[in-house]
């Protein structure tokens, strides 16, 4: 029986994804990689806590195709050279600092309301 992981590389990556892949490459010696690309969630969370990241990125954690049993992720990009990955130049979504639908800049607090009878 062949147990080789079958998840493949994405067709393109955002600059943030490339930065995370580079982070994994820089700290690969701190990870135990099984079956060429399987990484345990615990080791990944511990590594992320040391870096400039808050949590396992959604493009890894949420994709069912990247799950390898309980508490393990398939990350084939860990074996790829980040400089050879295709960068996605599609700038979807609102630009940083642009106004939202209510006319407030992104990150601006909502107006406060006073309570009744006060």
N, C-alpha and C. Protein backbone atom coordinates (compact mmCIF):
# COMPACT_ATOMS: atom_id res chain seq x y z
N UNK A 1 0.84 -1.18 0.00
CA UNK A 1 0.00 0.00 0.00
C UNK A 1 0.88 1.24 0.00
N UNK A 2 0.58 2.17 -0.89
CA UNK A 2 1.34 3.41 -0.98
C UNK A 2 0.72 4.45 -0.06
N UNK A 3 1.50 4.96 0.91
CA UNK A 3 1.01 5.97 1.84
C UNK A 3 1.61 7.34 1.56
N UNK A 4 2.15 7.52 0.37
CA UNK A 4 2.76 8.80 0.01
C UNK A 4 1.68 9.86 -0.09
N UNK A 5 1.88 11.03 0.53
CA UNK A 5 0.88 12.09 0.46
C UNK A 5 0.65 12.53 -0.98
N UNK A 6 -0.61 12.87 -1.30
CA UNK A 6 -0.94 13.23 -2.68
C UNK A 6 -1.29 14.71 -2.85
N UNK A 7 -1.17 15.53 -1.82
CA UNK A 7 -1.46 16.95 -1.98
C UNK A 7 -0.39 17.57 -2.86
N UNK A 8 -0.81 18.50 -3.73
CA UNK A 8 0.15 19.11 -4.65
C UNK A 8 0.32 20.58 -4.32
N UNK A 9 1.31 21.18 -4.93
CA UNK A 9 1.56 22.60 -4.76
C UNK A 9 0.42 23.40 -5.36
N UNK A 10 0.17 24.59 -4.81
CA UNK A 10 -0.84 25.47 -5.36
C UNK A 10 -0.35 26.07 -6.67
N UNK A 11 -1.26 26.49 -7.55
CA UNK A 11 -0.81 27.08 -8.82
C UNK A 11 -0.09 28.41 -8.63
N UNK A 12 -0.46 29.17 -7.60
CA UNK A 12 0.23 30.42 -7.31
C UNK A 12 0.05 30.75 -5.83
N UNK A 13 0.89 31.65 -5.33
CA UNK A 13 0.90 31.99 -3.90
C UNK A 13 0.90 33.50 -3.73
N UNK A 14 0.26 33.96 -2.65
CA UNK A 14 0.31 35.38 -2.33
C UNK A 14 1.68 35.68 -1.71
N UNK A 15 2.07 36.94 -1.69
CA UNK A 15 3.34 37.28 -1.04
C UNK A 15 3.39 36.84 0.44
N UNK A 16 2.25 36.89 1.12
CA UNK A 16 2.20 36.43 2.51
C UNK A 16 2.44 34.93 2.64
N UNK A 17 1.90 34.16 1.71
CA UNK A 17 2.12 32.72 1.71
C UNK A 17 3.59 32.41 1.43
N UNK A 18 4.18 33.14 0.48
CA UNK A 18 5.60 32.95 0.16
C UNK A 18 6.44 33.25 1.40
N UNK A 19 6.10 34.31 2.12
CA UNK A 19 6.84 34.68 3.33
C UNK A 19 6.74 33.57 4.38
N UNK A 20 5.56 32.96 4.52
CA UNK A 20 5.40 31.87 5.49
C UNK A 20 6.20 30.65 5.06
N UNK A 21 6.19 30.34 3.78
CA UNK A 21 6.97 29.20 3.27
C UNK A 21 8.45 29.45 3.51
N UNK A 22 8.91 30.67 3.29
CA UNK A 22 10.31 31.01 3.56
C UNK A 22 10.62 30.86 5.04
N UNK A 23 9.68 31.25 5.91
CA UNK A 23 9.83 31.09 7.36
C UNK A 23 9.99 29.61 7.70
N UNK A 24 9.18 28.75 7.08
CA UNK A 24 9.30 27.30 7.32
C UNK A 24 10.66 26.79 6.86
N UNK A 25 11.13 27.26 5.70
CA UNK A 25 12.44 26.84 5.21
C UNK A 25 13.55 27.27 6.16
N UNK A 26 13.47 28.48 6.67
CA UNK A 26 14.50 29.00 7.56
C UNK A 26 14.56 28.23 8.88
N UNK A 27 13.43 27.64 9.29
CA UNK A 27 13.36 26.93 10.57
C UNK A 27 13.08 25.44 10.39
N UNK A 28 13.37 24.91 9.23
CA UNK A 28 13.07 23.50 8.97
C UNK A 28 13.79 22.57 9.93
N UNK A 29 14.97 22.93 10.39
CA UNK A 29 15.72 22.06 11.31
C UNK A 29 14.98 21.90 12.64
N UNK A 30 14.03 22.79 12.95
CA UNK A 30 13.28 22.70 14.19
C UNK A 30 12.00 21.86 14.05
N UNK A 31 11.71 21.41 12.84
CA UNK A 31 10.52 20.60 12.58
C UNK A 31 10.90 19.16 12.26
N UNK A 32 10.07 18.23 12.70
CA UNK A 32 10.22 16.84 12.30
C UNK A 32 9.26 16.63 11.14
N UNK A 33 9.78 16.34 9.96
CA UNK A 33 8.96 16.18 8.77
C UNK A 33 8.85 14.70 8.45
N UNK A 34 7.60 14.20 8.40
CA UNK A 34 7.34 12.79 8.10
C UNK A 34 6.86 12.65 6.66
N UNK A 35 7.11 11.52 6.05
CA UNK A 35 6.64 11.23 4.69
C UNK A 35 6.91 12.38 3.72
N UNK A 36 8.02 12.99 3.82
CA UNK A 36 8.51 14.09 2.99
C UNK A 36 7.81 15.43 3.19
N UNK A 37 6.55 15.46 3.67
CA UNK A 37 5.91 16.77 3.81
C UNK A 37 4.87 16.86 4.93
N UNK A 38 4.81 15.89 5.83
CA UNK A 38 3.83 15.90 6.91
C UNK A 38 4.46 16.50 8.16
N UNK A 39 3.78 17.52 8.71
CA UNK A 39 4.28 18.24 9.89
C UNK A 39 3.20 18.19 10.96
N UNK A 40 3.58 17.97 12.21
CA UNK A 40 2.59 17.92 13.28
C UNK A 40 2.14 19.32 13.65
N UNK A 41 0.88 19.44 14.01
CA UNK A 41 0.32 20.73 14.39
C UNK A 41 1.04 21.29 15.60
N UNK A 42 1.36 20.45 16.57
CA UNK A 42 2.01 20.92 17.80
C UNK A 42 3.36 21.58 17.48
N UNK A 43 4.17 20.93 16.66
CA UNK A 43 5.47 21.51 16.29
C UNK A 43 5.30 22.80 15.49
N UNK A 44 4.30 22.82 14.62
CA UNK A 44 4.05 24.01 13.82
C UNK A 44 3.60 25.18 14.69
N UNK A 45 2.71 24.92 15.65
CA UNK A 45 2.24 25.96 16.56
C UNK A 45 3.40 26.47 17.42
N UNK A 46 4.24 25.58 17.92
CA UNK A 46 5.39 25.99 18.72
C UNK A 46 6.35 26.85 17.91
N UNK A 47 6.58 26.49 16.66
CA UNK A 47 7.46 27.25 15.78
C UNK A 47 6.86 28.62 15.48
N UNK A 48 5.57 28.67 15.22
CA UNK A 48 4.89 29.92 14.93
C UNK A 48 4.97 30.87 16.12
N UNK A 49 4.88 30.34 17.33
CA UNK A 49 4.96 31.17 18.53
C UNK A 49 6.32 31.87 18.63
N UNK A 50 7.35 31.26 18.09
CA UNK A 50 8.69 31.87 18.10
C UNK A 50 8.84 32.94 17.03
N UNK A 51 8.02 32.85 15.99
CA UNK A 51 8.14 33.78 14.86
C UNK A 51 7.19 34.95 14.99
N UNK A 52 6.92 35.56 13.87
CA UNK A 52 6.09 36.76 13.82
C UNK A 52 4.67 36.41 13.36
N UNK A 53 4.20 35.21 13.67
CA UNK A 53 2.89 34.75 13.24
C UNK A 53 2.03 34.46 14.47
N UNK A 54 0.71 34.51 14.28
CA UNK A 54 -0.22 34.30 15.39
C UNK A 54 -0.74 32.88 15.41
N UNK A 55 -1.06 32.33 14.25
CA UNK A 55 -1.66 31.00 14.17
C UNK A 55 -1.25 30.34 12.86
N UNK A 56 -1.61 29.06 12.74
CA UNK A 56 -1.37 28.33 11.49
C UNK A 56 -2.22 29.01 10.42
N UNK A 57 -1.64 29.39 9.29
CA UNK A 57 -2.40 30.08 8.25
C UNK A 57 -3.59 29.24 7.78
N UNK A 58 -4.69 29.92 7.45
CA UNK A 58 -5.92 29.25 7.03
C UNK A 58 -5.72 28.41 5.77
N UNK A 59 -4.85 28.85 4.88
CA UNK A 59 -4.65 28.09 3.64
C UNK A 59 -4.02 26.73 3.92
N UNK A 60 -3.48 26.54 5.12
CA UNK A 60 -2.96 25.24 5.53
C UNK A 60 -3.98 24.54 6.43
N UNK A 61 -4.46 25.25 7.46
CA UNK A 61 -5.31 24.63 8.48
C UNK A 61 -6.72 24.30 7.98
N UNK A 62 -7.29 25.13 7.12
CA UNK A 62 -8.68 24.94 6.72
C UNK A 62 -8.86 23.96 5.55
N UNK A 63 -7.86 23.80 4.75
CA UNK A 63 -7.99 22.93 3.57
C UNK A 63 -7.98 21.46 3.98
N UNK A 64 -9.08 20.77 3.67
CA UNK A 64 -9.17 19.35 4.04
C UNK A 64 -8.13 18.50 3.31
N UNK A 65 -7.72 18.95 2.13
CA UNK A 65 -6.72 18.19 1.38
C UNK A 65 -5.34 18.25 2.04
N UNK A 66 -5.15 19.18 2.98
CA UNK A 66 -3.86 19.30 3.66
C UNK A 66 -3.83 18.60 5.01
N UNK A 67 -4.88 17.92 5.37
CA UNK A 67 -4.92 17.20 6.64
C UNK A 67 -4.39 15.79 6.45
N UNK A 68 -3.51 15.41 7.37
CA UNK A 68 -2.92 14.07 7.31
C UNK A 68 -3.16 13.39 8.65
N UNK A 69 -4.38 13.03 8.90
CA UNK A 69 -4.70 12.41 10.18
C UNK A 69 -4.91 13.46 11.25
N UNK A 70 -5.01 13.02 12.46
CA UNK A 70 -5.30 13.91 13.58
C UNK A 70 -4.05 14.71 13.97
N UNK A 71 -4.15 16.02 13.86
CA UNK A 71 -3.06 16.89 14.30
C UNK A 71 -1.87 16.96 13.39
N UNK A 72 -2.04 16.62 12.12
CA UNK A 72 -0.93 16.68 11.16
C UNK A 72 -1.38 17.39 9.89
N UNK A 73 -0.45 18.11 9.28
CA UNK A 73 -0.73 18.82 8.03
C UNK A 73 0.25 18.38 6.96
N UNK A 74 -0.24 18.37 5.71
CA UNK A 74 0.61 18.12 4.55
C UNK A 74 1.05 19.48 4.01
N UNK A 75 2.35 19.72 4.00
CA UNK A 75 2.88 20.98 3.50
C UNK A 75 3.98 20.66 2.49
N UNK A 76 3.61 20.35 1.23
CA UNK A 76 4.62 19.99 0.24
C UNK A 76 5.56 21.15 -0.10
N UNK A 77 5.13 22.38 0.18
CA UNK A 77 5.96 23.54 -0.11
C UNK A 77 7.24 23.55 0.72
N UNK A 78 7.26 22.76 1.77
CA UNK A 78 8.44 22.72 2.63
C UNK A 78 9.65 22.15 1.88
N UNK A 79 9.38 21.43 0.79
CA UNK A 79 10.45 20.85 -0.02
C UNK A 79 10.77 21.69 -1.26
N UNK A 80 9.93 22.69 -1.54
CA UNK A 80 10.13 23.50 -2.75
C UNK A 80 11.02 24.70 -2.44
N UNK A 81 11.70 25.18 -3.44
CA UNK A 81 12.50 26.39 -3.32
C UNK A 81 11.54 27.58 -3.43
N UNK A 82 11.41 28.41 -2.37
CA UNK A 82 10.46 29.53 -2.42
C UNK A 82 10.67 30.48 -3.60
N UNK A 83 11.89 30.59 -4.07
CA UNK A 83 12.15 31.50 -5.19
C UNK A 83 11.57 30.98 -6.51
N UNK A 84 11.22 29.70 -6.58
CA UNK A 84 10.66 29.14 -7.80
C UNK A 84 9.14 29.10 -7.79
N UNK A 85 8.49 29.45 -6.67
CA UNK A 85 7.03 29.42 -6.59
C UNK A 85 6.44 30.63 -7.31
N UNK A 86 5.30 30.44 -7.95
CA UNK A 86 4.64 31.50 -8.71
C UNK A 86 3.91 32.43 -7.75
N UNK A 87 4.17 33.74 -7.88
CA UNK A 87 3.53 34.73 -7.02
C UNK A 87 2.26 35.22 -7.70
N UNK A 88 1.17 35.23 -6.94
CA UNK A 88 -0.12 35.71 -7.43
C UNK A 88 -0.15 37.22 -7.30
N UNK A 89 -0.33 37.91 -8.41
CA UNK A 89 -0.35 39.37 -8.39
C UNK A 89 -1.77 39.92 -8.39
N UNK A 90 -2.76 39.07 -8.19
CA UNK A 90 -4.14 39.51 -8.11
C UNK A 90 -4.35 40.20 -6.77
N UNK A 91 -4.68 41.47 -6.78
CA UNK A 91 -4.84 42.24 -5.54
C UNK A 91 -6.33 42.36 -5.23
N UNK A 92 -6.92 41.25 -4.80
CA UNK A 92 -8.34 41.26 -4.48
C UNK A 92 -8.57 41.94 -3.14
N UNK A 93 -9.79 42.36 -2.92
CA UNK A 93 -10.16 42.95 -1.65
C UNK A 93 -9.86 44.44 -1.58
N UNK A 94 -10.15 45.00 -0.45
CA UNK A 94 -9.97 46.44 -0.23
C UNK A 94 -8.51 46.75 0.01
N UNK A 95 -8.05 47.84 -0.53
CA UNK A 95 -6.66 48.25 -0.35
C UNK A 95 -6.46 48.74 1.08
N UNK A 96 -5.25 48.57 1.63
CA UNK A 96 -5.00 49.03 2.99
C UNK A 96 -5.27 50.53 3.12
N UNK A 97 -6.01 50.90 4.17
CA UNK A 97 -6.29 52.30 4.43
C UNK A 97 -7.50 52.85 3.69
N UNK A 98 -8.10 52.06 2.80
CA UNK A 98 -9.26 52.57 2.07
C UNK A 98 -10.49 52.57 2.98
N UNK A 99 -11.48 53.34 2.59
CA UNK A 99 -12.69 53.46 3.41
C UNK A 99 -13.61 52.26 3.20
N UNK A 100 -14.31 51.88 4.26
CA UNK A 100 -15.25 50.78 4.14
C UNK A 100 -16.61 51.29 3.66
N UNK A 101 -17.62 50.46 3.64
CA UNK A 101 -18.93 50.85 3.12
C UNK A 101 -19.57 51.99 3.91
N UNK A 102 -19.25 52.10 5.18
CA UNK A 102 -19.84 53.15 6.00
C UNK A 102 -19.03 54.44 5.94
N UNK A 103 -17.98 54.47 5.13
CA UNK A 103 -17.22 55.68 4.95
C UNK A 103 -16.09 55.89 5.94
N UNK A 104 -15.90 54.94 6.86
CA UNK A 104 -14.81 55.06 7.84
C UNK A 104 -13.56 54.39 7.30
N UNK A 105 -12.39 54.93 7.60
CA UNK A 105 -11.16 54.25 7.20
C UNK A 105 -11.07 52.89 7.88
N UNK A 106 -10.37 51.97 7.26
CA UNK A 106 -10.19 50.65 7.86
C UNK A 106 -9.53 50.78 9.21
N UNK A 107 -10.03 50.08 10.20
CA UNK A 107 -9.45 50.11 11.53
C UNK A 107 -9.95 51.25 12.39
N UNK A 108 -10.77 52.15 11.83
CA UNK A 108 -11.30 53.26 12.62
C UNK A 108 -12.40 52.74 13.54
N UNK A 109 -12.45 53.21 14.77
CA UNK A 109 -13.48 52.71 15.68
C UNK A 109 -14.87 53.20 15.24
N UNK A 110 -15.87 52.39 15.52
CA UNK A 110 -17.25 52.77 15.23
C UNK A 110 -17.67 53.86 16.19
N UNK A 111 -18.59 54.73 15.77
CA UNK A 111 -19.04 55.78 16.68
C UNK A 111 -19.70 55.15 17.90
N UNK A 112 -19.46 55.76 19.05
CA UNK A 112 -20.05 55.24 20.28
C UNK A 112 -21.46 55.78 20.44
N UNK A 113 -22.31 54.97 21.03
CA UNK A 113 -23.69 55.40 21.29
C UNK A 113 -23.87 55.53 22.78
N UNK A 114 -24.66 56.48 23.17
CA UNK A 114 -24.92 56.66 24.60
C UNK A 114 -26.13 55.84 24.98
N UNK A 115 -26.15 55.37 26.19
CA UNK A 115 -27.25 54.56 26.68
C UNK A 115 -28.50 55.41 26.89
N UNK A 116 -29.65 54.77 26.92
CA UNK A 116 -30.92 55.45 27.15
C UNK A 116 -31.02 55.84 28.61
N UNK A 117 -31.47 57.04 28.87
CA UNK A 117 -31.67 57.49 30.23
C UNK A 117 -30.41 58.00 30.89
N UNK A 118 -29.38 58.30 30.14
CA UNK A 118 -28.12 58.71 30.74
C UNK A 118 -27.66 60.00 30.37
